[in-house]
Amino acid sequence: MRAGLLGALLAAGLTPAAAREPIKAPTTEALRPCPAYGSGFVRLPGSRSCIRLSGRVGAGMDLQSGNRGAAAAPAAAGRFAIDTRSESEFGPVRTFVRIGNGRP
């Protein structure tokens, strides 16, 4: 059984030395800034569109006192935004998506 499997692998061109060679990742085009749309925008490779990813995270404690004594609870909030802009034959096109959780 082992001889049959080894023979099949060798016939397919798969040798133990070939299996250990590292695979090189394809190189990607560097992101170029889009100063016309403001800070943080970069041009999408192969496109005329520009994109900006932004967000924020906040954490703290909610402290309350009342008739039953003091209470503390952790509080966290976060927000993530995607803003894309490009020029079309009809004028500028903008897409904006914001996802948030918690209090601002």
PDB file of N, CA and C in Angstrom:
ATOM      1  N   MET A   1       0.826  -1.193   0.000  1.00  0.00           N
ATOM      2  CA  MET A   1       0.000   0.000   0.000  1.00  0.00           C
ATOM      3  C   MET A   1       0.869   1.256   0.000  1.00  0.00           C
ATOM      4  N   ARG A   2       1.906   1.289   0.867  1.00  0.00           N
ATOM      5  CA  ARG A   2       2.780   2.453   0.920  1.00  0.00           C
ATOM      6  C   ARG A   2       3.529   2.647  -0.392  1.00  0.00           C
ATOM      7  N   ALA A   3       3.984   1.581  -0.972  1.00  0.00           N
ATOM      8  CA  ALA A   3       4.727   1.685  -2.228  1.00  0.00           C
ATOM      9  C   ALA A   3       3.827   2.239  -3.323  1.00  0.00           C
ATOM     10  N   GLY A   4       2.569   1.836  -3.337  1.00  0.00           N
ATOM     11  CA  GLY A   4       1.631   2.333  -4.341  1.00  0.00           C
ATOM     12  C   GLY A   4       1.369   3.824  -4.167  1.00  0.00           C
ATOM     13  N   LEU A   5       1.219   4.272  -2.929  1.00  0.00           N
ATOM     14  CA  LEU A   5       0.966   5.684  -2.655  1.00  0.00           C
ATOM     15  C   LEU A   5       2.192   6.519  -2.995  1.00  0.00           C
ATOM     16  N   LEU A   6       3.385   6.052  -2.600  1.00  0.00           N
ATOM     17  CA  LEU A   6       4.616   6.767  -2.898  1.00  0.00           C
ATOM     18  C   LEU A   6       4.831   6.852  -4.404  1.00  0.00           C
ATOM     19  N   GLY A   7       4.557   5.763  -5.110  1.00  0.00           N
ATOM     20  CA  GLY A   7       4.703   5.762  -6.566  1.00  0.00           C
ATOM     21  C   GLY A   7       3.750   6.755  -7.225  1.00  0.00           C
ATOM     22  N   ALA A   8       2.539   6.843  -6.713  1.00  0.00           N
ATOM     23  CA  ALA A   8       1.564   7.773  -7.277  1.00  0.00           C
ATOM     24  C   ALA A   8       1.993   9.220  -7.042  1.00  0.00           C
ATOM     25  N   LEU A   9       2.539   9.504  -5.849  1.00  0.00           N
ATOM     26  CA  LEU A   9       2.999  10.860  -5.547  1.00  0.00           C
ATOM     27  C   LEU A   9       4.184  11.239  -6.422  1.00  0.00           C
ATOM     28  N   LEU A  10       5.124  10.313  -6.604  1.00  0.00           N
ATOM     29  CA  LEU A  10       6.287  10.596  -7.441  1.00  0.00           C
ATOM     30  C   LEU A  10       5.879  10.778  -8.893  1.00  0.00           C
ATOM     31  N   ALA A  11       4.903  10.010  -9.369  1.00  0.00           N
ATOM     32  CA  ALA A  11       4.440  10.141 -10.749  1.00  0.00           C
ATOM     33  C   ALA A  11       3.770  11.494 -10.961  1.00  0.00           C
ATOM     34  N   ALA A  12       3.134  12.018  -9.932  1.00  0.00           N
ATOM     35  CA  ALA A  12       2.465  13.321 -10.038  1.00  0.00           C
ATOM     36  C   ALA A  12       3.456  14.475  -9.892  1.00  0.00           C
ATOM     37  N   GLY A  13       4.705  14.175  -9.602  1.00  0.00           N
ATOM     38  CA  GLY A  13       5.715  15.211  -9.460  1.00  0.00           C
ATOM     39  C   GLY A  13       5.820  15.754  -8.045  1.00  0.00           C
ATOM     40  N   LEU A  14       5.204  15.084  -7.092  1.00  0.00           N
ATOM     41  CA  LEU A  14       5.263  15.522  -5.699  1.00  0.00           C
ATOM     42  C   LEU A  14       6.347  14.747  -4.981  1.00  0.00           C
ATOM     43  N   THR A  15       7.425  15.400  -4.703  1.00  0.00           N
ATOM     44  CA  THR A  15       8.525  14.768  -3.983  1.00  0.00           C
ATOM     45  C   THR A  15       8.602  15.379  -2.589  1.00  0.00           C
ATOM     46  N   PRO A  16       9.227  14.708  -1.649  1.00  0.00           N
ATOM     47  CA  PRO A  16       9.349  15.275  -0.310  1.00  0.00           C
ATOM     48  C   PRO A  16      10.054  16.629  -0.308  1.00  0.00           C
ATOM     49  N   ALA A  17      11.037  16.827  -1.176  1.00  0.00           N
ATOM     50  CA  ALA A  17      11.739  18.101  -1.230  1.00  0.00           C
ATOM     51  C   ALA A  17      10.815  19.206  -1.752  1.00  0.00           C
ATOM     52  N   ALA A  18       9.971  18.883  -2.711  1.00  0.00           N
ATOM     53  CA  ALA A  18       9.053  19.876  -3.265  1.00  0.00           C
ATOM     54  C   ALA A  18       8.008  20.273  -2.238  1.00  0.00           C
ATOM     55  N   ALA A  19       7.630  19.373  -1.369  1.00  0.00           N
ATOM     56  CA  ALA A  19       6.616  19.679  -0.362  1.00  0.00           C
ATOM     57  C   ALA A  19       7.142  20.656   0.676  1.00  0.00           C
ATOM     58  N   ARG A  20       8.446  20.735   0.867  1.00  0.00           N
ATOM     59  CA  ARG A  20       9.021  21.610   1.885  1.00  0.00           C
ATOM     60  C   ARG A  20       9.362  22.999   1.368  1.00  0.00           C
ATOM     61  N   GLU A  21       9.297  23.233   0.082  1.00  0.00           N
ATOM     62  CA  GLU A  21       9.627  24.541  -0.460  1.00  0.00           C
ATOM     63  C   GLU A  21       8.548  25.548  -0.078  1.00  0.00           C
ATOM     64  N   PRO A  22       8.951  26.715   0.396  1.00  0.00           N
ATOM     65  CA  PRO A  22       7.934  27.703   0.797  1.00  0.00           C
ATOM     66  C   PRO A  22       7.202  28.263  -0.407  1.00  0.00           C
ATOM     67  N   ILE A  23       5.955  28.572  -0.198  1.00  0.00           N
ATOM     68  CA  ILE A  23       5.136  29.169  -1.245  1.00  0.00           C
ATOM     69  C   ILE A  23       5.215  30.679  -1.078  1.00  0.00           C
ATOM     70  N   LYS A  24       5.580  31.359  -2.136  1.00  0.00           N
ATOM     71  CA  LYS A  24       5.701  32.809  -2.073  1.00  0.00           C
ATOM     72  C   LYS A  24       4.333  33.442  -2.297  1.00  0.00           C
ATOM     73  N   ALA A  25       3.983  34.375  -1.418  1.00  0.00           N
ATOM     74  CA  ALA A  25       2.714  35.084  -1.547  1.00  0.00           C
ATOM     75  C   ALA A  25       2.807  36.071  -2.707  1.00  0.00           C
ATOM     76  N   PRO A  26       1.714  36.252  -3.435  1.00  0.00           N
ATOM     77  CA  PRO A  26       1.753  37.217  -4.532  1.00  0.00           C
ATOM     78  C   PRO A  26       1.906  38.631  -3.977  1.00  0.00           C
ATOM     79  N   THR A  27       2.692  39.423  -4.675  1.00  0.00           N
ATOM     80  CA  THR A  27       2.884  40.800  -4.232  1.00  0.00           C
ATOM     81  C   THR A  27       1.667  41.626  -4.638  1.00  0.00           C
ATOM     82  N   THR A  28       1.295  42.548  -3.773  1.00  0.00           N
ATOM     83  CA  THR A  28       0.145  43.394  -4.059  1.00  0.00           C
ATOM     84  C   THR A  28       0.619  44.822  -4.271  1.00  0.00           C
ATOM     85  N   GLU A  29      -0.183  45.564  -4.968  1.00  0.00           N
ATOM     86  CA  GLU A  29       0.123  46.962  -5.240  1.00  0.00           C
ATOM     87  C   GLU A  29      -0.014  47.764  -3.950  1.00  0.00           C
ATOM     88  N   ALA A  30       0.902  48.670  -3.702  1.00  0.00           N
ATOM     89  CA  ALA A  30       0.855  49.497  -2.495  1.00  0.00           C
ATOM     90  C   ALA A  30      -0.321  50.458  -2.572  1.00  0.00           C
ATOM     91  N   LEU A  31      -0.920  50.736  -1.432  1.00  0.00           N
ATOM     92  CA  LEU A  31      -2.033  51.668  -1.383  1.00  0.00           C
ATOM     93  C   LEU A  31      -1.512  53.091  -1.541  1.00  0.00           C
ATOM     94  N   ARG A  32      -2.182  53.848  -2.400  1.00  0.00           N
ATOM     95  CA  ARG A  32      -1.797  55.236  -2.630  1.00  0.00           C
ATOM     96  C   ARG A  32      -2.830  56.155  -1.986  1.00  0.00           C
ATOM     97  N   PRO A  33      -2.401  57.238  -1.371  1.00  0.00           N
ATOM     98  CA  PRO A  33      -3.354  58.150  -0.727  1.00  0.00           C
ATOM     99  C   PRO A  33      -4.212  58.897  -1.741  1.00  0.00           C
ATOM    100  N   CYS A  34      -5.390  59.331  -1.294  1.00  0.00           N
ATOM    101  CA  CYS A  34      -6.303  60.158  -2.092  1.00  0.00           C
ATOM    102  C   CYS A  34      -6.480  61.491  -1.365  1.00  0.00           C
ATOM    103  N   PRO A  35      -5.564  62.432  -1.517  1.00  0.00           N
ATOM    104  CA  PRO A  35      -5.671  63.689  -0.770  1.00  0.00           C
ATOM    105  C   PRO A  35      -6.877  64.531  -1.177  1.00  0.00           C
ATOM    106  N   ALA A  36      -7.449  64.309  -2.349  1.00  0.00           N
ATOM    107  CA  ALA A  36      -8.595  65.103  -2.792  1.00  0.00           C
ATOM    108  C   ALA A  36      -9.821  64.872  -1.908  1.00  0.00           C
ATOM    109  N   TYR A  37      -9.931  63.714  -1.275  1.00  0.00           N
ATOM    110  CA  TYR A  37     -11.091  63.402  -0.450  1.00  0.00           C
ATOM    111  C   TYR A  37     -10.845  63.624   1.034  1.00  0.00           C
ATOM    112  N   GLY A  38      -9.647  63.955   1.430  1.00  0.00           N
ATOM    113  CA  GLY A  38      -9.350  64.206   2.832  1.00  0.00           C
ATOM    114  C   GLY A  38      -8.349  63.208   3.377  1.00  0.00           C
ATOM    115  N   SER A  39      -7.998  63.402   4.643  1.00  0.00           N
ATOM    116  CA  SER A  39      -6.989  62.521   5.248  1.00  0.00           C
ATOM    117  C   SER A  39      -7.574  61.146   5.516  1.00  0.00           C
ATOM    118  N   GLY A  40      -6.739  60.149   5.372  1.00  0.00           N
ATOM    119  CA  GLY A  40      -7.143  58.773   5.652  1.00  0.00           C
ATOM    120  C   GLY A  40      -7.685  58.014   4.465  1.00  0.00           C
ATOM    121  N   PHE A  41      -7.969  58.663   3.358  1.00  0.00           N
ATOM    122  CA  PHE A  41      -8.490  57.972   2.181  1.00  0.00           C
ATOM    123  C   PHE A  41      -7.351  57.392   1.366  1.00  0.00           C
ATOM    124  N   VAL A  42      -7.534  56.161   0.881  1.00  0.00           N
ATOM    125  CA  VAL A  42      -6.564  55.505   0.005  1.00  0.00           C
ATOM    126  C   VAL A  42      -7.298  54.976  -1.228  1.00  0.00           C
ATOM    127  N   ARG A  43      -6.582  54.945  -2.336  1.00  0.00           N
ATOM    128  CA  ARG A  43      -7.168  54.455  -3.591  1.00  0.00           C
ATOM    129  C   ARG A  43      -7.186  52.930  -3.599  1.00  0.00           C
ATOM    130  N   LEU A  44      -8.331  52.366  -3.986  1.00  0.00           N
ATOM    131  CA  LEU A  44      -8.438  50.920  -4.126  1.00  0.00           C
ATOM    132  C   LEU A  44      -7.646  50.499  -5.355  1.00  0.00           C
ATOM    133  N   PRO A  45      -6.791  49.477  -5.238  1.00  0.00           N
ATOM    134  CA  PRO A  45      -5.980  49.045  -6.388  1.00  0.00           C
ATOM    135  C   PRO A  45      -6.861  48.644  -7.574  1.00  0.00           C
ATOM    136  N   GLY A  46      -6.521  49.146  -8.754  1.00  0.00           N
ATOM    137  CA  GLY A  46      -7.245  48.823  -9.969  1.00  0.00           C
ATOM    138  C   GLY A  46      -8.577  49.539 -10.101  1.00  0.00           C
ATOM    139  N   SER A  47      -8.780  50.623  -9.357  1.00  0.00           N
ATOM    140  CA  SER A  47     -10.059  51.315  -9.344  1.00  0.00           C
ATOM    141  C   SER A  47      -9.831  52.822  -9.261  1.00  0.00           C
ATOM    142  N   ARG A  48     -10.879  53.593  -9.569  1.00  0.00           N
ATOM    143  CA  ARG A  48     -10.829  55.035  -9.377  1.00  0.00           C
ATOM    144  C   ARG A  48     -11.450  55.426  -8.047  1.00  0.00           C
ATOM    145  N   SER A  49     -11.910  54.455  -7.265  1.00  0.00           N
ATOM    146  CA  SER A  49     -12.566  54.711  -5.980  1.00  0.00           C
ATOM    147  C   SER A  49     -11.552  54.818  -4.852  1.00  0.00           C
ATOM    148  N   CYS A  50     -11.916  55.606  -3.840  1.00  0.00           N
ATOM    149  CA  CYS A  50     -11.091  55.766  -2.647  1.00  0.00           C
ATOM    150  C   CYS A  50     -11.902  55.326  -1.435  1.00  0.00           C
ATOM    151  N   ILE A  51     -11.218  54.796  -0.417  1.00  0.00           N
ATOM    152  CA  ILE A  51     -11.891  54.269   0.759  1.00  0.00           C
ATOM    153  C   ILE A  51     -11.171  54.722   2.025  1.00  0.00           C
ATOM    154  N   ARG A  52     -11.955  54.902   3.088  1.00  0.00           N
ATOM    155  CA  ARG A  52     -11.391  55.202   4.403  1.00  0.00           C
ATOM    156  C   ARG A  52     -12.111  54.321   5.425  1.00  0.00           C
ATOM    157  N   LEU A  53     -11.332  53.600   6.220  1.00  0.00           N
ATOM    158  CA  LEU A  53     -11.850  52.797   7.317  1.00  0.00           C
ATOM    159  C   LEU A  53     -11.514  53.526   8.605  1.00  0.00           C
ATOM    160  N   SER A  54     -12.495  53.704   9.467  1.00  0.00           N
ATOM    161  CA  SER A  54     -12.249  54.400  10.728  1.00  0.00           C
ATOM    162  C   SER A  54     -13.114  53.787  11.820  1.00  0.00           C
ATOM    163  N   GLY A  55     -12.801  54.138  13.042  1.00  0.00           N
ATOM    164  CA  GLY A  55     -13.593  53.635  14.156  1.00  0.00           C
ATOM    165  C   GLY A  55     -13.049  54.126  15.471  1.00  0.00           C
ATOM    166  N   ARG A  56     -13.742  53.744  16.519  1.00  0.00           N
ATOM    167  CA  ARG A  56     -13.293  54.086  17.859  1.00  0.00           C
ATOM    168  C   ARG A  56     -13.849  53.088  18.851  1.00  0.00           C
ATOM    169  N   VAL A  57     -13.173  53.000  19.986  1.00  0.00           N
ATOM    170  CA  VAL A  57     -13.570  52.101  21.057  1.00  0.00           C
ATOM    171  C   VAL A  57     -13.433  52.862  22.365  1.00  0.00           C
ATOM    172  N   GLY A  58     -14.392  52.689  23.250  1.00  0.00           N
ATOM    173  CA  GLY A  58     -14.325  53.316  24.565  1.00  0.00           C
ATOM    174  C   GLY A  58     -14.785  52.324  25.627  1.00  0.00           C
ATOM    175  N   ALA A  59     -14.201  52.423  26.803  1.00  0.00           N
ATOM    176  CA  ALA A  59     -14.580  51.532  27.904  1.00  0.00           C
ATOM    177  C   ALA A  59     -14.506  52.311  29.205  1.00  0.00           C
ATOM    178  N   GLY A  60     -15.302  51.896  30.165  1.00  0.00           N
ATOM    179  CA  GLY A  60     -15.297  52.559  31.461  1.00  0.00           C
ATOM    180  C   GLY A  60     -16.178  51.813  32.447  1.00  0.00           C
ATOM    181  N   MET A  61     -16.534  52.490  33.517  1.00  0.00           N
ATOM    182  CA  MET A  61     -17.399  51.918  34.552  1.00  0.00           C
ATOM    183  C   MET A  61     -18.560  52.856  34.801  1.00  0.00           C
ATOM    184  N   ASP A  62     -19.770  52.318  34.894  1.00  0.00           N
ATOM    185  CA  ASP A  62     -20.939  53.074  35.318  1.00  0.00           C
ATOM    186  C   ASP A  62     -21.093  52.882  36.813  1.00  0.00           C
ATOM    187  N   LEU A  63     -20.996  53.969  37.545  1.00  0.00           N
ATOM    188  CA  LEU A  63     -21.131  53.923  39.000  1.00  0.00           C
ATOM    189  C   LEU A  63     -22.437  54.596  39.376  1.00  0.00           C
ATOM    190  N   GLN A  64     -23.228  53.919  40.205  1.00  0.00           N
ATOM    191  CA  GLN A  64     -24.505  54.455  40.644  1.00  0.00           C
ATOM    192  C   GLN A  64     -24.658  54.231  42.141  1.00  0.00           C
ATOM    193  N   SER A  65     -25.277  55.174  42.787  1.00  0.00           N
ATOM    194  CA  SER A  65     -25.606  54.988  44.202  1.00  0.00           C
ATOM    195  C   SER A  65     -27.092  55.261  44.372  1.00  0.00           C
ATOM    196  N   GLY A  66     -27.677  54.552  45.285  1.00  0.00           N
ATOM    197  CA  GLY A  66     -29.110  54.693  45.499  1.00  0.00           C
ATOM    198  C   GLY A  66     -29.497  54.139  46.855  1.00  0.00           C
ATOM    199  N   ASN A  67     -30.777  53.854  47.008  1.00  0.00           N
ATOM    200  CA  ASN A  67     -31.308  53.337  48.272  1.00  0.00           C
ATOM    201  C   ASN A  67     -30.719  51.977  48.633  1.00  0.00           C
ATOM    202  N   ARG A  68     -30.366  51.198  47.671  1.00  0.00           N
ATOM    203  CA  ARG A  68     -29.841  49.838  47.921  1.00  0.00           C
ATOM    204  C   ARG A  68     -28.321  49.811  48.017  1.00  0.00           C
ATOM    205  N   GLY A  69     -27.670  50.929  47.986  1.00  0.00           N
ATOM    206  CA  GLY A  69     -26.210  50.973  48.047  1.00  0.00           C
ATOM    207  C   GLY A  69     -25.617  51.326  46.695  1.00  0.00           C
ATOM    208  N   ALA A  70     -24.332  51.188  46.603  1.00  0.00           N
ATOM    209  CA  ALA A  70     -23.620  51.525  45.373  1.00  0.00           C
ATOM    210  C   ALA A  70     -23.589  50.324  44.433  1.00  0.00           C
ATOM    211  N   ALA A  71     -23.595  50.619  43.142  1.00  0.00           N
ATOM    212  CA  ALA A  71     -23.524  49.566  42.128  1.00  0.00           C
ATOM    213  C   ALA A  71     -22.534  50.005  41.051  1.00  0.00           C
ATOM    214  N   ALA A  72     -21.813  49.070  40.524  1.00  0.00           N
ATOM    215  CA  ALA A  72     -20.858  49.342  39.445  1.00  0.00           C
ATOM    216  C   ALA A  72     -21.072  48.326  38.335  1.00  0.00           C
ATOM    217  N   ALA A  73     -21.030  48.812  37.106  1.00  0.00           N
ATOM    218  CA  ALA A  73     -21.179  47.933  35.952  1.00  0.00           C
ATOM    219  C   ALA A  73     -20.208  48.383  34.870  1.00  0.00           C
ATOM    220  N   PRO A  74     -19.557  47.434  34.191  1.00  0.00           N
ATOM    221  CA  PRO A  74     -18.662  47.827  33.098  1.00  0.00           C
ATOM    222  C   PRO A  74     -19.467  48.376  31.922  1.00  0.00           C
ATOM    223  N   ALA A  75     -18.912  49.347  31.246  1.00  0.00           N
ATOM    224  CA  ALA A  75     -19.553  49.944  30.074  1.00  0.00           C
ATOM    225  C   ALA A  75     -18.538  49.977  28.936  1.00  0.00           C
ATOM    226  N   ALA A  76     -18.986  49.589  27.751  1.00  0.00           N
ATOM    227  CA  ALA A  76     -18.111  49.605  26.578  1.00  0.00           C
ATOM    228  C   ALA A  76     -18.916  50.055  25.367  1.00  0.00           C
ATOM    229  N   ALA A  77     -18.271  50.746  24.482  1.00  0.00           N
ATOM    230  CA  ALA A  77     -18.905  51.208  23.256  1.00  0.00           C
ATOM    231  C   ALA A  77     -17.886  51.149  22.129  1.00  0.00           C
ATOM    232  N   GLY A  78     -18.368  50.920  20.937  1.00  0.00           N
ATOM    233  CA  GLY A  78     -17.486  50.876  19.783  1.00  0.00           C
ATOM    234  C   GLY A  78     -18.218  51.289  18.524  1.00  0.00           C
ATOM    235  N   ARG A  79     -17.451  51.725  17.537  1.00  0.00           N
ATOM    236  CA  ARG A  79     -18.031  52.150  16.275  1.00  0.00           C
ATOM    237  C   ARG A  79     -17.023  51.878  15.169  1.00  0.00           C
ATOM    238  N   PHE A  80     -17.518  51.436  14.011  1.00  0.00           N
ATOM    239  CA  PHE A  80     -16.694  51.159  12.842  1.00  0.00           C
ATOM    240  C   PHE A  80     -17.376  51.800  11.637  1.00  0.00           C
ATOM    241  N   ALA A  81     -16.636  52.537  10.815  1.00  0.00           N
ATOM    242  CA  ALA A  81     -17.214  53.221   9.663  1.00  0.00           C
ATOM    243  C   ALA A  81     -16.409  52.923   8.402  1.00  0.00           C
ATOM    244  N   ILE A  82     -17.129  52.795   7.296  1.00  0.00           N
ATOM    245  CA  ILE A  82     -16.537  52.608   5.969  1.00  0.00           C
ATOM    246  C   ILE A  82     -17.068  53.730   5.091  1.00  0.00           C
ATOM    247  N   ASP A  83     -16.180  54.503   4.493  1.00  0.00           N
ATOM    248  CA  ASP A  83     -16.553  55.638   3.649  1.00  0.00           C
ATOM    249  C   ASP A  83     -15.857  55.463   2.304  1.00  0.00           C
ATOM    250  N   THR A  84     -16.633  55.330   1.234  1.00  0.00           N
ATOM    251  CA  THR A  84     -16.052  55.204  -0.110  1.00  0.00           C
ATOM    252  C   THR A  84     -16.519  56.382  -0.963  1.00  0.00           C
ATOM    253  N   ARG A  85     -15.626  56.847  -1.813  1.00  0.00           N
ATOM    254  CA  ARG A  85     -15.945  57.967  -2.699  1.00  0.00           C
ATOM    255  C   ARG A  85     -15.303  57.734  -4.059  1.00  0.00           C
ATOM    256  N   SER A  86     -16.026  58.145  -5.087  1.00  0.00           N
ATOM    257  CA  SER A  86     -15.483  58.051  -6.445  1.00  0.00           C
ATOM    258  C   SER A  86     -16.217  59.048  -7.328  1.00  0.00           C
ATOM    259  N   GLU A  87     -15.658  59.270  -8.484  1.00  0.00           N
ATOM    260  CA  GLU A  87     -16.268  60.150  -9.476  1.00  0.00           C
ATOM    261  C   GLU A  87     -16.923  59.290 -10.544  1.00  0.00           C
ATOM    262  N   SER A  88     -18.108  59.676 -10.967  1.00  0.00           N
ATOM    263  CA  SER A  88     -18.801  58.979 -12.045  1.00  0.00           C
ATOM    264  C   SER A  88     -19.150  59.987 -13.129  1.00  0.00           C
ATOM    265  N   GLU A  89     -19.751  59.532 -14.194  1.00  0.00           N
ATOM    266  CA  GLU A  89     -20.127  60.442 -15.275  1.00  0.00           C
ATOM    267  C   GLU A  89     -21.264  61.376 -14.843  1.00  0.00           C
ATOM    268  N   PHE A  90     -21.954  61.046 -13.743  1.00  0.00           N
ATOM    269  CA  PHE A  90     -23.034  61.891 -13.235  1.00  0.00           C
ATOM    270  C   PHE A  90     -22.593  62.783 -12.084  1.00  0.00           C
ATOM    271  N   GLY A  91     -21.342  62.673 -11.655  1.00  0.00           N
ATOM    272  CA  GLY A  91     -20.823  63.470 -10.558  1.00  0.00           C
ATOM    273  C   GLY A  91     -20.273  62.579  -9.451  1.00  0.00           C
ATOM    274  N   PRO A  92     -19.990  63.165  -8.281  1.00  0.00           N
ATOM    275  CA  PRO A  92     -19.407  62.376  -7.192  1.00  0.00           C
ATOM    276  C   PRO A  92     -20.409  61.375  -6.605  1.00  0.00           C
ATOM    277  N   VAL A  93     -19.887  60.216  -6.224  1.00  0.00           N
ATOM    278  CA  VAL A  93     -20.693  59.164  -5.597  1.00  0.00           C
ATOM    279  C   VAL A  93     -20.046  58.836  -4.262  1.00  0.00           C
ATOM    280  N   ARG A  94     -20.861  58.813  -3.198  1.00  0.00           N
ATOM    281  CA  ARG A  94     -20.339  58.515  -1.864  1.00  0.00           C
ATOM    282  C   ARG A  94     -21.198  57.440  -1.223  1.00  0.00           C
ATOM    283  N   THR A  95     -20.529  56.473  -0.579  1.00  0.00           N
ATOM    284  CA  THR A  95     -21.198  55.440   0.200  1.00  0.00           C
ATOM    285  C   THR A  95     -20.629  55.489   1.601  1.00  0.00           C
ATOM    286  N   PHE A  96     -21.513  55.521   2.597  1.00  0.00           N
ATOM    287  CA  PHE A  96     -21.070  55.612   3.977  1.00  0.00           C
ATOM    288  C   PHE A  96     -21.859  54.610   4.810  1.00  0.00           C
ATOM    289  N   VAL A  97     -21.134  53.758   5.550  1.00  0.00           N
ATOM    290  CA  VAL A  97     -21.762  52.771   6.433  1.00  0.00           C
ATOM    291  C   VAL A  97     -21.114  52.904   7.797  1.00  0.00           C
ATOM    292  N   ARG A  98     -21.953  52.994   8.839  1.00  0.00           N
ATOM    293  CA  ARG A  98     -21.434  53.066  10.211  1.00  0.00           C
ATOM    294  C   ARG A  98     -22.166  52.027  11.051  1.00  0.00           C
ATOM    295  N   ILE A  99     -21.391  51.238  11.764  1.00  0.00           N
ATOM    296  CA  ILE A  99     -21.932  50.209  12.652  1.00  0.00           C
ATOM    297  C   ILE A  99     -21.442  50.528  14.058  1.00  0.00           C
ATOM    298  N   GLY A 100     -22.365  50.580  15.019  1.00  0.00           N
ATOM    299  CA  GLY A 100     -21.962  50.936  16.355  1.00  0.00           C
ATOM    300  C   GLY A 100     -22.655  50.083  17.416  1.00  0.00           C
ATOM    301  N   ASN A 101     -22.064  50.096  18.595  1.00  0.00           N
ATOM    302  CA  ASN A 101     -22.601  49.348  19.721  1.00  0.00           C
ATOM    303  C   ASN A 101     -22.344  50.161  20.991  1.00  0.00           C
ATOM    304  N   GLY A 102     -23.314  50.244  21.859  1.00  0.00           N
ATOM    305  CA  GLY A 102     -23.129  50.971  23.112  1.00  0.00           C
ATOM    306  C   GLY A 102     -23.470  52.433  22.971  1.00  0.00           C
ATOM    307  N   ARG A 103     -23.188  53.184  24.007  1.00  0.00           N
ATOM    308  CA  ARG A 103     -23.452  54.620  23.991  1.00  0.00           C
ATOM    309  C   ARG A 103     -22.281  55.358  23.352  1.00  0.00           C
ATOM    310  N   PRO A 104     -22.576  56.443  22.651  1.00  0.00           N
ATOM    311  CA  PRO A 104     -21.487  57.205  22.002  1.00  0.00           C
ATOM    312  C   PRO A 104     -20.580  57.882  22.984  1.00  0.00           C
TER     313      PRO A 104
END
